[in-house]
Amino acid sequence: MGKTNNQGNNTKQGLKISIFHVLVILVGADLILLLAPELGILNSILFIPDIYTWPALIIGIIMLVFGFRGLYKKK
């Protein structure tokens, strides 16, 4: 007969997903999609000056990096 694994031997630590970081990722992605210069959704409908679109793009990228860095935590 084969050996069975005991529950005590299978001790893998689980990962916890931070809801705050998920929201930061979503807001950053929305900023990029809406206000990207020459390609954004709002920029194609309305004329938004570059003084607003480039900082929004940079802030969106920073938010994505910050969100992905702290997304997973050990339990």
PDB file of N, CA and C in Angstrom:
ATOM      1  N   MET A   1       0.833  -1.181   0.000  1.00  0.00           N
ATOM      2  CA  MET A   1       0.000   0.000   0.000  1.00  0.00           C
ATOM      3  C   MET A   1       0.878   1.244   0.000  1.00  0.00           C
ATOM      4  N   GLY A   2       0.381   2.264  -0.662  1.00  0.00           N
ATOM      5  CA  GLY A   2       1.140   3.501  -0.741  1.00  0.00           C
ATOM      6  C   GLY A   2       1.026   4.319   0.538  1.00  0.00           C
ATOM      7  N   LYS A   3       1.999   5.132   0.728  1.00  0.00           N
ATOM      8  CA  LYS A   3       1.991   6.001   1.903  1.00  0.00           C
ATOM      9  C   LYS A   3       1.090   7.207   1.631  1.00  0.00           C
ATOM     10  N   THR A   4       0.428   7.639   2.653  1.00  0.00           N
ATOM     11  CA  THR A   4      -0.397   8.839   2.538  1.00  0.00           C
ATOM     12  C   THR A   4       0.336  10.011   3.168  1.00  0.00           C
ATOM     13  N   ASN A   5       0.091  11.171   2.626  1.00  0.00           N
ATOM     14  CA  ASN A   5       0.715  12.366   3.184  1.00  0.00           C
ATOM     15  C   ASN A   5      -0.083  12.850   4.384  1.00  0.00           C
ATOM     16  N   ASN A   6       0.613  13.110   5.437  1.00  0.00           N
ATOM     17  CA  ASN A   6      -0.038  13.681   6.613  1.00  0.00           C
ATOM     18  C   ASN A   6      -0.237  15.172   6.395  1.00  0.00           C
ATOM     19  N   GLN A   7      -1.237  15.706   7.040  1.00  0.00           N
ATOM     20  CA  GLN A   7      -1.485  17.144   6.920  1.00  0.00           C
ATOM     21  C   GLN A   7      -0.331  17.947   7.518  1.00  0.00           C
ATOM     22  N   GLY A   8       0.354  17.419   8.471  1.00  0.00           N
ATOM     23  CA  GLY A   8       1.475  18.119   9.093  1.00  0.00           C
ATOM     24  C   GLY A   8       2.661  18.270   8.154  1.00  0.00           C
ATOM     25  N   ASN A   9       2.785  17.400   7.160  1.00  0.00           N
ATOM     26  CA  ASN A   9       3.902  17.475   6.229  1.00  0.00           C
ATOM     27  C   ASN A   9       3.674  18.498   5.123  1.00  0.00           C
ATOM     28  N   ASN A  10       2.436  18.859   4.859  1.00  0.00           N
ATOM     29  CA  ASN A  10       2.114  19.789   3.778  1.00  0.00           C
ATOM     30  C   ASN A  10       1.909  21.195   4.328  1.00  0.00           C
ATOM     31  N   THR A  11       2.944  21.765   4.872  1.00  0.00           N
ATOM     32  CA  THR A  11       2.818  23.098   5.460  1.00  0.00           C
ATOM     33  C   THR A  11       3.373  24.130   4.492  1.00  0.00           C
ATOM     34  N   LYS A  12       2.543  24.537   3.558  1.00  0.00           N
ATOM     35  CA  LYS A  12       2.915  25.617   2.645  1.00  0.00           C
ATOM     36  C   LYS A  12       2.262  26.894   3.137  1.00  0.00           C
ATOM     37  N   GLN A  13       3.029  27.944   3.145  1.00  0.00           N
ATOM     38  CA  GLN A  13       2.462  29.217   3.555  1.00  0.00           C
ATOM     39  C   GLN A  13       1.648  29.800   2.418  1.00  0.00           C
ATOM     40  N   GLY A  14       0.460  30.255   2.739  1.00  0.00           N
ATOM     41  CA  GLY A  14      -0.397  30.842   1.724  1.00  0.00           C
ATOM     42  C   GLY A  14      -0.049  32.308   1.488  1.00  0.00           C
ATOM     43  N   LEU A  15      -0.571  32.839   0.410  1.00  0.00           N
ATOM     44  CA  LEU A  15      -0.358  34.234   0.089  1.00  0.00           C
ATOM     45  C   LEU A  15      -1.651  35.001   0.313  1.00  0.00           C
ATOM     46  N   LYS A  16      -1.500  36.223   0.775  1.00  0.00           N
ATOM     47  CA  LYS A  16      -2.638  37.099   1.003  1.00  0.00           C
ATOM     48  C   LYS A  16      -2.536  38.255   0.019  1.00  0.00           C
ATOM     49  N   ILE A  17      -3.648  38.582  -0.637  1.00  0.00           N
ATOM     50  CA  ILE A  17      -3.664  39.672  -1.603  1.00  0.00           C
ATOM     51  C   ILE A  17      -4.194  40.915  -0.911  1.00  0.00           C
ATOM     52  N   SER A  18      -3.484  42.011  -1.037  1.00  0.00           N
ATOM     53  CA  SER A  18      -3.870  43.273  -0.420  1.00  0.00           C
ATOM     54  C   SER A  18      -4.906  43.975  -1.299  1.00  0.00           C
ATOM     55  N   ILE A  19      -6.075  44.237  -0.732  1.00  0.00           N
ATOM     56  CA  ILE A  19      -7.146  44.899  -1.468  1.00  0.00           C
ATOM     57  C   ILE A  19      -6.751  46.340  -1.798  1.00  0.00           C
ATOM     58  N   PHE A  20      -6.053  46.995  -0.896  1.00  0.00           N
ATOM     59  CA  PHE A  20      -5.601  48.372  -1.146  1.00  0.00           C
ATOM     60  C   PHE A  20      -4.708  48.443  -2.374  1.00  0.00           C
ATOM     61  N   HIS A  21      -3.794  47.507  -2.499  1.00  0.00           N
ATOM     62  CA  HIS A  21      -2.890  47.513  -3.633  1.00  0.00           C
ATOM     63  C   HIS A  21      -3.617  47.179  -4.942  1.00  0.00           C
ATOM     64  N   VAL A  22      -4.643  46.352  -4.860  1.00  0.00           N
ATOM     65  CA  VAL A  22      -5.457  46.078  -6.048  1.00  0.00           C
ATOM     66  C   VAL A  22      -6.151  47.360  -6.506  1.00  0.00           C
ATOM     67  N   LEU A  23      -6.679  48.125  -5.562  1.00  0.00           N
ATOM     68  CA  LEU A  23      -7.331  49.389  -5.912  1.00  0.00           C
ATOM     69  C   LEU A  23      -6.344  50.402  -6.482  1.00  0.00           C
ATOM     70  N   VAL A  24      -5.127  50.423  -5.943  1.00  0.00           N
ATOM     71  CA  VAL A  24      -4.101  51.324  -6.472  1.00  0.00           C
ATOM     72  C   VAL A  24      -3.760  50.944  -7.918  1.00  0.00           C
ATOM     73  N   ILE A  25      -3.680  49.656  -8.191  1.00  0.00           N
ATOM     74  CA  ILE A  25      -3.407  49.189  -9.557  1.00  0.00           C
ATOM     75  C   ILE A  25      -4.536  49.605 -10.496  1.00  0.00           C
ATOM     76  N   LEU A  26      -5.778  49.452 -10.060  1.00  0.00           N
ATOM     77  CA  LEU A  26      -6.916  49.824 -10.903  1.00  0.00           C
ATOM     78  C   LEU A  26      -6.959  51.324 -11.188  1.00  0.00           C
ATOM     79  N   VAL A  27      -6.685  52.148 -10.187  1.00  0.00           N
ATOM     80  CA  VAL A  27      -6.696  53.601 -10.394  1.00  0.00           C
ATOM     81  C   VAL A  27      -5.556  54.005 -11.318  1.00  0.00           C
ATOM     82  N   GLY A  28      -4.381  53.417 -11.136  1.00  0.00           N
ATOM     83  CA  GLY A  28      -3.249  53.724 -12.005  1.00  0.00           C
ATOM     84  C   GLY A  28      -3.516  53.329 -13.451  1.00  0.00           C
ATOM     85  N   ALA A  29      -4.125  52.168 -13.646  1.00  0.00           N
ATOM     86  CA  ALA A  29      -4.447  51.728 -15.010  1.00  0.00           C
ATOM     87  C   ALA A  29      -5.510  52.627 -15.638  1.00  0.00           C
ATOM     88  N   ASP A  30      -6.479  53.071 -14.840  1.00  0.00           N
ATOM     89  CA  ASP A  30      -7.499  53.988 -15.365  1.00  0.00           C
ATOM     90  C   ASP A  30      -6.892  55.322 -15.776  1.00  0.00           C
ATOM     91  N   LEU A  31      -5.967  55.833 -14.975  1.00  0.00           N
ATOM     92  CA  LEU A  31      -5.296  57.083 -15.348  1.00  0.00           C
ATOM     93  C   LEU A  31      -4.583  56.947 -16.683  1.00  0.00           C
ATOM     94  N   ILE A  32      -3.898  55.834 -16.852  1.00  0.00           N
ATOM     95  CA  ILE A  32      -3.161  55.632 -18.099  1.00  0.00           C
ATOM     96  C   ILE A  32      -4.114  55.486 -19.277  1.00  0.00           C
ATOM     97  N   LEU A  33      -5.173  54.698 -19.102  1.00  0.00           N
ATOM     98  CA  LEU A  33      -6.107  54.475 -20.216  1.00  0.00           C
ATOM     99  C   LEU A  33      -6.881  55.732 -20.592  1.00  0.00           C
ATOM    100  N   LEU A  34      -7.232  56.533 -19.612  1.00  0.00           N
ATOM    101  CA  LEU A  34      -8.042  57.711 -19.898  1.00  0.00           C
ATOM    102  C   LEU A  34      -7.220  58.893 -20.404  1.00  0.00           C
ATOM    103  N   LEU A  35      -6.045  59.108 -19.838  1.00  0.00           N
ATOM    104  CA  LEU A  35      -5.330  60.352 -20.098  1.00  0.00           C
ATOM    105  C   LEU A  35      -3.995  60.190 -20.805  1.00  0.00           C
ATOM    106  N   ALA A  36      -3.720  59.060 -21.387  1.00  0.00           N
ATOM    107  CA  ALA A  36      -2.456  58.893 -22.099  1.00  0.00           C
ATOM    108  C   ALA A  36      -2.392  59.861 -23.278  1.00  0.00           C
ATOM    109  N   PRO A  37      -1.265  60.550 -23.446  1.00  0.00           N
ATOM    110  CA  PRO A  37      -1.152  61.506 -24.551  1.00  0.00           C
ATOM    111  C   PRO A  37      -1.302  60.823 -25.910  1.00  0.00           C
ATOM    112  N   GLU A  38      -2.117  61.383 -26.752  1.00  0.00           N
ATOM    113  CA  GLU A  38      -2.372  60.927 -28.118  1.00  0.00           C
ATOM    114  C   GLU A  38      -3.133  59.607 -28.214  1.00  0.00           C
ATOM    115  N   LEU A  39      -3.278  58.848 -27.127  1.00  0.00           N
ATOM    116  CA  LEU A  39      -3.924  57.539 -27.201  1.00  0.00           C
ATOM    117  C   LEU A  39      -5.055  57.349 -26.198  1.00  0.00           C
ATOM    118  N   GLY A  40      -5.165  58.207 -25.215  1.00  0.00           N
ATOM    119  CA  GLY A  40      -6.144  58.018 -24.152  1.00  0.00           C
ATOM    120  C   GLY A  40      -7.578  58.175 -24.630  1.00  0.00           C
ATOM    121  N   ILE A  41      -8.487  57.563 -23.911  1.00  0.00           N
ATOM    122  CA  ILE A  41      -9.894  57.592 -24.293  1.00  0.00           C
ATOM    123  C   ILE A  41     -10.460  58.999 -24.177  1.00  0.00           C
ATOM    124  N   LEU A  42     -10.213  59.666 -23.046  1.00  0.00           N
ATOM    125  CA  LEU A  42     -10.691  61.036 -22.899  1.00  0.00           C
ATOM    126  C   LEU A  42      -9.958  61.991 -23.835  1.00  0.00           C
ATOM    127  N   ASN A  43      -8.728  61.694 -24.108  1.00  0.00           N
ATOM    128  CA  ASN A  43      -7.945  62.552 -24.997  1.00  0.00           C
ATOM    129  C   ASN A  43      -8.419  62.437 -26.442  1.00  0.00           C
ATOM    130  N   SER A  44      -9.035  61.332 -26.790  1.00  0.00           N
ATOM    131  CA  SER A  44      -9.550  61.206 -28.150  1.00  0.00           C
ATOM    132  C   SER A  44     -10.909  61.897 -28.298  1.00  0.00           C
ATOM    133  N   ILE A  45     -11.658  62.007 -27.217  1.00  0.00           N
ATOM    134  CA  ILE A  45     -12.961  62.671 -27.258  1.00  0.00           C
ATOM    135  C   ILE A  45     -12.817  64.182 -27.062  1.00  0.00           C
ATOM    136  N   LEU A  46     -12.070  64.560 -26.046  1.00  0.00           N
ATOM    137  CA  LEU A  46     -11.876  65.967 -25.698  1.00  0.00           C
ATOM    138  C   LEU A  46     -10.421  66.354 -25.947  1.00  0.00           C
ATOM    139  N   PHE A  47     -10.193  67.631 -26.110  1.00  0.00           N
ATOM    140  CA  PHE A  47      -8.811  68.089 -26.206  1.00  0.00           C
ATOM    141  C   PHE A  47      -8.324  68.411 -24.800  1.00  0.00           C
ATOM    142  N   ILE A  48      -7.391  67.624 -24.321  1.00  0.00           N
ATOM    143  CA  ILE A  48      -6.799  67.849 -23.004  1.00  0.00           C
ATOM    144  C   ILE A  48      -5.345  68.227 -23.240  1.00  0.00           C
ATOM    145  N   PRO A  49      -4.915  69.373 -22.708  1.00  0.00           N
ATOM    146  CA  PRO A  49      -3.528  69.815 -22.939  1.00  0.00           C
ATOM    147  C   PRO A  49      -2.499  68.839 -22.368  1.00  0.00           C
ATOM    148  N   ASP A  50      -1.319  68.882 -22.962  1.00  0.00           N
ATOM    149  CA  ASP A  50      -0.242  67.982 -22.536  1.00  0.00           C
ATOM    150  C   ASP A  50       0.220  68.255 -21.111  1.00  0.00           C
ATOM    151  N   ILE A  51      -0.052  69.430 -20.591  1.00  0.00           N
ATOM    152  CA  ILE A  51       0.358  69.738 -19.222  1.00  0.00           C
ATOM    153  C   ILE A  51      -0.379  68.855 -18.210  1.00  0.00           C
ATOM    154  N   TYR A  52      -1.526  68.302 -18.597  1.00  0.00           N
ATOM    155  CA  TYR A  52      -2.279  67.406 -17.720  1.00  0.00           C
ATOM    156  C   TYR A  52      -2.048  65.936 -18.052  1.00  0.00           C
ATOM    157  N   THR A  53      -1.818  65.628 -19.308  1.00  0.00           N
ATOM    158  CA  THR A  53      -1.746  64.221 -19.701  1.00  0.00           C
ATOM    159  C   THR A  53      -0.422  63.565 -19.320  1.00  0.00           C
ATOM    160  N   TRP A  54       0.703  64.258 -19.497  1.00  0.00           N
ATOM    161  CA  TRP A  54       1.995  63.644 -19.163  1.00  0.00           C
ATOM    162  C   TRP A  54       2.149  63.399 -17.669  1.00  0.00           C
ATOM    163  N   PRO A  55       1.803  64.345 -16.787  1.00  0.00           N
ATOM    164  CA  PRO A  55       1.875  64.016 -15.353  1.00  0.00           C
ATOM    165  C   PRO A  55       0.920  62.891 -14.952  1.00  0.00           C
ATOM    166  N   ALA A  56      -0.270  62.839 -15.581  1.00  0.00           N
ATOM    167  CA  ALA A  56      -1.202  61.748 -15.269  1.00  0.00           C
ATOM    168  C   ALA A  56      -0.628  60.405 -15.697  1.00  0.00           C
ATOM    169  N   LEU A  57       0.062  60.374 -16.817  1.00  0.00           N
ATOM    170  CA  LEU A  57       0.699  59.138 -17.282  1.00  0.00           C
ATOM    171  C   LEU A  57       1.808  58.709 -16.320  1.00  0.00           C
ATOM    172  N   ILE A  58       2.614  59.642 -15.885  1.00  0.00           N
ATOM    173  CA  ILE A  58       3.708  59.335 -14.950  1.00  0.00           C
ATOM    174  C   ILE A  58       3.155  58.866 -13.612  1.00  0.00           C
ATOM    175  N   ILE A  59       2.124  59.552 -13.104  1.00  0.00           N
ATOM    176  CA  ILE A  59       1.509  59.156 -11.835  1.00  0.00           C
ATOM    177  C   ILE A  59       0.868  57.776 -11.965  1.00  0.00           C
ATOM    178  N   GLY A  60       0.244  57.481 -13.103  1.00  0.00           N
ATOM    179  CA  GLY A  60      -0.347  56.162 -13.319  1.00  0.00           C
ATOM    180  C   GLY A  60       0.689  55.056 -13.320  1.00  0.00           C
ATOM    181  N   ILE A  61       1.819  55.294 -13.941  1.00  0.00           N
ATOM    182  CA  ILE A  61       2.898  54.290 -13.954  1.00  0.00           C
ATOM    183  C   ILE A  61       3.458  54.078 -12.557  1.00  0.00           C
ATOM    184  N   ILE A  62       3.630  55.174 -11.805  1.00  0.00           N
ATOM    185  CA  ILE A  62       4.123  55.060 -10.428  1.00  0.00           C
ATOM    186  C   ILE A  62       3.136  54.275  -9.573  1.00  0.00           C
ATOM    187  N   MET A  63       1.838  54.532  -9.763  1.00  0.00           N
ATOM    188  CA  MET A  63       0.828  53.794  -9.001  1.00  0.00           C
ATOM    189  C   MET A  63       0.825  52.311  -9.351  1.00  0.00           C
ATOM    190  N   LEU A  64       1.031  51.980 -10.621  1.00  0.00           N
ATOM    191  CA  LEU A  64       1.113  50.570 -11.012  1.00  0.00           C
ATOM    192  C   LEU A  64       2.308  49.881 -10.364  1.00  0.00           C
ATOM    193  N   VAL A  65       3.455  50.541 -10.379  1.00  0.00           N
ATOM    194  CA  VAL A  65       4.658  49.947  -9.776  1.00  0.00           C
ATOM    195  C   VAL A  65       4.458  49.766  -8.277  1.00  0.00           C
ATOM    196  N   PHE A  66       3.924  50.792  -7.606  1.00  0.00           N
ATOM    197  CA  PHE A  66       3.676  50.693  -6.165  1.00  0.00           C
ATOM    198  C   PHE A  66       2.657  49.597  -5.851  1.00  0.00           C
ATOM    199  N   GLY A  67       1.632  49.481  -6.662  1.00  0.00           N
ATOM    200  CA  GLY A  67       0.607  48.480  -6.421  1.00  0.00           C
ATOM    201  C   GLY A  67       1.114  47.062  -6.601  1.00  0.00           C
ATOM    202  N   PHE A  68       1.904  46.825  -7.631  1.00  0.00           N
ATOM    203  CA  PHE A  68       2.410  45.466  -7.864  1.00  0.00           C
ATOM    204  C   PHE A  68       3.492  45.074  -6.866  1.00  0.00           C
ATOM    205  N   ARG A  69       4.209  46.049  -6.312  1.00  0.00           N
ATOM    206  CA  ARG A  69       5.262  45.714  -5.367  1.00  0.00           C
ATOM    207  C   ARG A  69       4.704  45.170  -4.050  1.00  0.00           C
ATOM    208  N   GLY A  70       3.544  45.649  -3.617  1.00  0.00           N
ATOM    209  CA  GLY A  70       3.003  45.191  -2.339  1.00  0.00           C
ATOM    210  C   GLY A  70       1.748  44.364  -2.477  1.00  0.00           C
ATOM    211  N   LEU A  71       1.528  43.779  -3.625  1.00  0.00           N
ATOM    212  CA  LEU A  71       0.287  43.062  -3.882  1.00  0.00           C
ATOM    213  C   LEU A  71       0.174  41.785  -3.060  1.00  0.00           C
ATOM    214  N   TYR A  72       1.214  40.985  -3.036  1.00  0.00           N
ATOM    215  CA  TYR A  72       1.173  39.701  -2.344  1.00  0.00           C
ATOM    216  C   TYR A  72       1.924  39.801  -1.023  1.00  0.00           C
ATOM    217  N   LYS A  73       1.294  39.255   0.030  1.00  0.00           N
ATOM    218  CA  LYS A  73       1.921  39.199   1.338  1.00  0.00           C
ATOM    219  C   LYS A  73       1.779  37.789   1.883  1.00  0.00           C
ATOM    220  N   LYS A  74       2.711  37.385   2.706  1.00  0.00           N
ATOM    221  CA  LYS A  74       2.627  36.064   3.343  1.00  0.00           C
ATOM    222  C   LYS A  74       1.635  36.131   4.485  1.00  0.00           C
ATOM    223  N   LYS A  75       0.940  35.024   4.700  1.00  0.00           N
ATOM    224  CA  LYS A  75      -0.038  34.959   5.798  1.00  0.00           C
ATOM    225  C   LYS A  75       0.645  34.894   7.126  1.00  0.00           C
TER     226      LYS A  75
END
